Amino acid sequence: MSVTTAVATFFLIWWVTLFAVLPWGVRSQHEGGEMVPGTDPGAPTSFRLGRKLLWTTLVAAVIYAVCYVVYVQRLVTLNGLTSLFIGTNK
């Protein structure tokens, strides 16, 4: 795998993971009872973007490491996948 492919793959995994991590630990103003006048009740009280980015990077690194091992060790091959869908056992 080239460096460009590895970086692009990690970025895609990181980006998808970001959207999975964003809702972790978010409390709305309505839940916290701290309503700021003129804001939506569903707005978060404390967003903590730095923690979200750190968790995103850690989770994405673990997912990328698993995908890299699967790729390097050839644990999943195209022939293996096609035999699952076609039903042949070659």
Protein backbone atom coordinates (compact mmCIF):
# COMPACT_ATOMS: atom_id res chain seq x y z
CA MET A 1 0.00 0.00 0.00
CA SER A 2 1.46 3.36 -0.97
CA VAL A 3 1.75 6.21 1.51
CA THR A 4 -0.83 8.24 -0.39
CA THR A 5 -3.34 5.39 -0.26
CA ALA A 6 -2.66 4.83 3.44
CA VAL A 7 -3.17 8.51 4.28
CA ALA A 8 -6.33 8.72 2.16
CA THR A 9 -7.73 5.58 3.77
CA PHE A 10 -6.98 6.86 7.27
CA PHE A 11 -8.60 10.21 6.47
CA LEU A 12 -11.78 8.52 5.22
CA ILE A 13 -11.96 6.33 8.31
CA TRP A 14 -11.27 9.38 10.52
CA TRP A 15 -13.99 11.43 8.83
CA VAL A 16 -16.65 8.74 9.22
CA THR A 17 -15.55 8.11 12.82
CA LEU A 18 -15.88 11.83 13.58
CA PHE A 19 -19.62 11.70 12.89
CA ALA A 20 -19.94 8.66 15.14
CA VAL A 21 -18.02 10.36 17.98
CA LEU A 22 -19.69 13.79 17.83
CA PRO A 23 -22.77 12.87 19.91
CA TRP A 24 -20.73 11.23 22.72
CA GLY A 25 -21.40 12.97 26.03
CA VAL A 26 -23.41 15.86 24.61
CA ARG A 27 -25.96 17.37 26.99
CA SER A 28 -28.45 19.86 25.65
CA GLN A 29 -29.30 23.12 27.40
CA HIS A 30 -32.74 21.71 28.10
CA GLU A 31 -31.26 18.64 29.85
CA GLY A 32 -28.75 20.70 31.80
CA GLY A 33 -31.24 23.37 32.81
CA GLU A 34 -28.91 26.16 31.63
CA MET A 35 -31.00 27.99 29.05
CA VAL A 36 -29.25 30.90 27.33
CA PRO A 37 -31.80 33.41 26.03
CA GLY A 38 -32.18 33.34 22.24
CA THR A 39 -30.71 29.87 21.71
CA ASP A 40 -32.29 26.56 20.82
CA PRO A 41 -33.07 24.30 23.79
CA GLY A 42 -31.30 21.44 21.98
CA ALA A 43 -28.02 23.35 21.70
CA PRO A 44 -25.17 21.71 23.63
CA THR A 45 -24.04 23.22 26.91
CA SER A 46 -20.38 22.28 26.49
CA PHE A 47 -19.17 20.90 23.17
CA ARG A 48 -15.51 20.00 24.01
CA LEU A 49 -14.28 19.84 20.42
CA GLY A 50 -10.70 19.02 21.44
CA ARG A 51 -11.77 15.85 23.26
CA LYS A 52 -13.97 14.85 20.34
CA LEU A 53 -11.05 15.20 17.91
CA LEU A 54 -8.74 13.22 20.22
CA TRP A 55 -11.27 10.39 20.61
CA THR A 56 -11.91 10.43 16.86
CA THR A 57 -8.20 10.05 16.15
CA LEU A 58 -7.79 7.22 18.67
CA VAL A 59 -10.82 5.26 17.47
CA ALA A 60 -9.91 5.83 13.80
CA ALA A 61 -6.34 4.63 14.47
CA VAL A 62 -7.64 1.37 15.95
CA ILE A 63 -10.04 0.83 13.05
CA TYR A 64 -7.29 1.65 10.53
CA ALA A 65 -4.87 -0.76 12.25
CA VAL A 66 -7.41 -3.59 11.99
CA CYS A 67 -8.06 -2.79 8.32
CA TYR A 68 -4.31 -2.62 7.62
CA VAL A 69 -3.69 -6.03 9.20
CA VAL A 70 -6.58 -7.53 7.21
CA TYR A 71 -5.12 -6.02 4.02
CA VAL A 72 -1.48 -7.02 4.63
CA GLN A 73 -2.28 -10.54 5.82
CA ARG A 74 -4.82 -10.96 2.99
CA LEU A 75 -7.45 -12.23 5.40
CA VAL A 76 -10.19 -11.05 3.02
CA THR A 77 -9.73 -11.54 -0.71
CA LEU A 78 -11.83 -10.66 -3.71
CA ASN A 79 -12.19 -14.34 -4.61
CA GLY A 80 -13.37 -15.11 -1.09
CA LEU A 81 -15.97 -12.35 -1.23
CA THR A 82 -17.27 -13.38 -4.64
CA SER A 83 -17.63 -16.98 -3.50
CA LEU A 84 -19.87 -15.76 -0.68
CA PHE A 85 -22.20 -13.99 -3.08
CA ILE A 86 -22.11 -16.50 -5.93
CA GLY A 87 -22.16 -19.54 -3.70
CA THR A 88 -19.18 -21.40 -5.13
CA ASN A 89 -16.55 -22.85 -2.85
CA LYS A 90 -13.30 -22.84 -4.79
